[in-house]
């Protein structure tokens, strides 16, 4: 089961029940929670800081935040 696929579905509002029913019938809700815990462990030390100056090459993406390691 690709963790990024499960996280992508969750981030698009698909419920764990629907993920199991419609996409991955061989996984459990505990498997989905394991994906979330794994992703959380990867970004545990990451911080989001406001970006007060957007580089010109990123003007198509007007997000006021960027991710710093």
N, C-alpha and C. Protein backbone atom coordinates (compact mmCIF):
# COMPACT_ATOMS: atom_id res chain seq x y z
N UNK A 1 0.84 -1.17 0.00
CA UNK A 1 0.00 0.00 0.00
C UNK A 1 0.90 1.24 0.00
N UNK A 2 0.80 2.09 -0.99
CA UNK A 2 1.61 3.31 -1.03
C UNK A 2 1.09 4.33 0.00
N UNK A 3 1.93 4.66 0.94
CA UNK A 3 1.54 5.59 2.00
C UNK A 3 1.09 6.91 1.41
N UNK A 4 1.81 7.40 0.38
CA UNK A 4 1.45 8.70 -0.18
C UNK A 4 0.06 8.68 -0.82
N UNK A 5 -0.36 7.53 -1.33
CA UNK A 5 -1.69 7.43 -1.93
C UNK A 5 -2.77 7.52 -0.85
N UNK A 6 -2.56 6.82 0.25
CA UNK A 6 -3.52 6.86 1.35
C UNK A 6 -3.60 8.28 1.91
N UNK A 7 -2.46 8.92 2.12
CA UNK A 7 -2.45 10.29 2.64
C UNK A 7 -3.11 11.25 1.66
N UNK A 8 -2.87 11.05 0.37
CA UNK A 8 -3.50 11.89 -0.63
C UNK A 8 -5.01 11.77 -0.61
N UNK A 9 -5.49 10.55 -0.47
CA UNK A 9 -6.94 10.34 -0.38
C UNK A 9 -7.51 11.02 0.85
N UNK A 10 -6.84 10.84 1.99
CA UNK A 10 -7.30 11.49 3.23
C UNK A 10 -7.31 13.01 3.08
N UNK A 11 -6.26 13.56 2.47
CA UNK A 11 -6.18 15.02 2.32
C UNK A 11 -7.24 15.56 1.37
N UNK A 12 -7.79 14.69 0.52
CA UNK A 12 -8.87 15.09 -0.37
C UNK A 12 -10.25 14.81 0.22
N UNK A 13 -10.28 14.46 1.50
CA UNK A 13 -11.55 14.30 2.19
C UNK A 13 -12.16 12.91 2.13
N UNK A 14 -11.43 11.94 1.60
CA UNK A 14 -11.95 10.58 1.55
C UNK A 14 -11.82 9.98 2.95
N UNK A 15 -12.89 9.42 3.45
CA UNK A 15 -12.86 8.85 4.80
C UNK A 15 -12.11 7.52 4.80
N UNK A 16 -11.59 7.13 5.96
CA UNK A 16 -10.94 5.82 6.04
C UNK A 16 -11.85 4.68 5.58
N UNK A 17 -13.11 4.77 5.92
CA UNK A 17 -14.06 3.74 5.50
C UNK A 17 -14.17 3.67 3.98
N UNK A 18 -14.20 4.83 3.33
CA UNK A 18 -14.30 4.86 1.88
C UNK A 18 -13.00 4.43 1.22
N UNK A 19 -11.86 4.73 1.84
CA UNK A 19 -10.58 4.26 1.31
C UNK A 19 -10.58 2.73 1.27
N UNK A 20 -11.02 2.14 2.36
CA UNK A 20 -11.06 0.68 2.43
C UNK A 20 -12.06 0.11 1.42
N UNK A 21 -13.23 0.69 1.36
CA UNK A 21 -14.29 0.17 0.49
C UNK A 21 -13.99 0.38 -1.00
N UNK A 22 -13.48 1.59 -1.34
CA UNK A 22 -13.37 1.96 -2.75
C UNK A 22 -11.97 1.80 -3.36
N UNK A 23 -10.93 1.76 -2.52
CA UNK A 23 -9.57 1.77 -3.07
C UNK A 23 -8.71 0.59 -2.62
N UNK A 24 -8.70 0.32 -1.33
CA UNK A 24 -7.80 -0.70 -0.78
C UNK A 24 -8.58 -1.63 0.15
N UNK A 25 -9.29 -2.56 -0.41
CA UNK A 25 -10.16 -3.42 0.40
C UNK A 25 -9.39 -4.37 1.31
N UNK A 26 -8.09 -4.51 1.10
CA UNK A 26 -7.31 -5.44 1.92
C UNK A 26 -6.62 -4.77 3.11
N UNK A 27 -6.88 -3.49 3.34
CA UNK A 27 -6.26 -2.83 4.49
C UNK A 27 -7.32 -2.57 5.55
N UNK A 28 -6.84 -2.22 6.73
CA UNK A 28 -7.74 -1.94 7.86
C UNK A 28 -7.61 -0.47 8.25
N UNK A 29 -8.51 -0.05 9.12
CA UNK A 29 -8.42 1.32 9.64
C UNK A 29 -7.10 1.50 10.38
N UNK A 30 -6.64 0.47 11.06
CA UNK A 30 -5.35 0.53 11.75
C UNK A 30 -4.20 0.75 10.77
N UNK A 31 -4.28 0.16 9.58
CA UNK A 31 -3.27 0.39 8.55
C UNK A 31 -3.25 1.87 8.13
N UNK A 32 -4.42 2.45 8.01
CA UNK A 32 -4.51 3.86 7.63
C UNK A 32 -3.93 4.73 8.74
N UNK A 33 -4.23 4.41 9.98
CA UNK A 33 -3.65 5.15 11.10
C UNK A 33 -2.13 4.99 11.13
N UNK A 34 -1.63 3.83 10.75
CA UNK A 34 -0.18 3.61 10.68
C UNK A 34 0.45 4.52 9.62
N UNK A 35 -0.25 4.72 8.50
CA UNK A 35 0.24 5.65 7.47
C UNK A 35 0.36 7.06 8.03
N UNK A 36 -0.64 7.48 8.78
CA UNK A 36 -0.63 8.82 9.37
C UNK A 36 0.50 8.94 10.39
N UNK A 37 0.66 7.93 11.22
CA UNK A 37 1.75 7.96 12.21
C UNK A 37 3.11 8.00 11.52
N UNK A 38 3.27 7.22 10.46
CA UNK A 38 4.54 7.20 9.72
C UNK A 38 4.83 8.58 9.13
N UNK A 39 3.85 9.19 8.49
CA UNK A 39 4.04 10.52 7.91
C UNK A 39 4.37 11.53 9.01
N UNK A 40 3.70 11.42 10.13
CA UNK A 40 3.98 12.31 11.25
C UNK A 40 5.40 12.18 11.75
N UNK A 41 5.90 10.95 11.78
CA UNK A 41 7.28 10.74 12.26
C UNK A 41 8.30 11.34 11.29
N UNK A 42 7.95 11.38 9.99
CA UNK A 42 8.87 11.95 9.00
C UNK A 42 8.98 13.46 9.10
N UNK A 43 7.91 14.11 9.50
CA UNK A 43 7.91 15.58 9.54
C UNK A 43 7.93 16.12 10.97
N UNK A 44 8.22 15.27 11.91
CA UNK A 44 8.19 15.65 13.32
C UNK A 44 9.05 16.88 13.62
N UNK A 45 10.19 16.99 12.98
CA UNK A 45 11.10 18.09 13.24
C UNK A 45 10.92 19.26 12.28
N UNK A 46 9.99 19.17 11.35
CA UNK A 46 9.75 20.23 10.38
C UNK A 46 8.97 21.37 11.02
N UNK A 47 9.19 22.58 10.53
CA UNK A 47 8.46 23.75 10.98
C UNK A 47 7.98 24.53 9.77
N UNK A 48 6.82 25.15 9.91
CA UNK A 48 6.29 26.02 8.86
C UNK A 48 6.46 27.45 9.33
N UNK A 49 7.06 28.29 8.48
CA UNK A 49 7.29 29.69 8.80
C UNK A 49 6.64 30.56 7.74
N UNK A 50 6.12 31.73 8.15
CA UNK A 50 5.56 32.63 7.13
C UNK A 50 6.65 33.10 6.18
N UNK A 51 6.31 33.17 4.92
CA UNK A 51 7.23 33.65 3.90
C UNK A 51 6.85 35.09 3.58
N UNK A 52 7.68 36.01 3.97
CA UNK A 52 7.35 37.41 3.74
C UNK A 52 7.81 37.90 2.38
N UNK A 53 8.70 37.17 1.73
CA UNK A 53 9.17 37.54 0.41
C UNK A 53 9.10 36.33 -0.50
N UNK A 54 8.21 36.38 -1.48
CA UNK A 54 8.06 35.28 -2.41
C UNK A 54 9.04 35.46 -3.57
N UNK A 55 9.89 34.46 -3.82
CA UNK A 55 10.78 34.55 -4.98
C UNK A 55 9.97 34.69 -6.28
N UNK A 56 10.50 35.41 -7.24
CA UNK A 56 9.77 35.67 -8.48
C UNK A 56 9.37 34.40 -9.21
N UNK A 57 10.19 33.36 -9.13
CA UNK A 57 9.85 32.12 -9.84
C UNK A 57 8.70 31.37 -9.18
N UNK A 58 8.25 31.80 -8.01
CA UNK A 58 7.15 31.13 -7.33
C UNK A 58 5.88 31.97 -7.31
N UNK A 59 5.81 33.02 -8.10
CA UNK A 59 4.66 33.90 -8.05
C UNK A 59 3.37 33.22 -8.51
N UNK A 60 3.45 32.09 -9.19
CA UNK A 60 2.24 31.38 -9.58
C UNK A 60 1.61 30.65 -8.41
N UNK A 61 2.35 30.49 -7.32
CA UNK A 61 1.87 29.80 -6.14
C UNK A 61 1.86 30.77 -4.97
N UNK A 62 0.77 31.48 -4.76
CA UNK A 62 0.75 32.57 -3.79
C UNK A 62 0.64 32.15 -2.32
N UNK A 63 1.17 31.00 -1.94
CA UNK A 63 1.11 30.58 -0.57
C UNK A 63 2.00 31.45 0.31
N UNK A 64 1.49 31.90 1.46
CA UNK A 64 2.31 32.72 2.36
C UNK A 64 3.24 31.90 3.23
N UNK A 65 3.28 30.59 3.05
CA UNK A 65 4.10 29.74 3.89
C UNK A 65 5.04 28.89 3.05
N UNK A 66 6.14 28.54 3.64
CA UNK A 66 7.04 27.57 3.02
C UNK A 66 7.57 26.67 4.12
N UNK A 67 8.02 25.51 3.75
CA UNK A 67 8.45 24.50 4.72
C UNK A 67 9.96 24.54 4.86
N UNK A 68 10.41 24.64 6.10
CA UNK A 68 11.83 24.61 6.39
C UNK A 68 12.17 23.35 7.15
N UNK A 69 13.28 22.72 6.83
CA UNK A 69 13.68 21.52 7.60
C UNK A 69 14.15 21.91 8.99
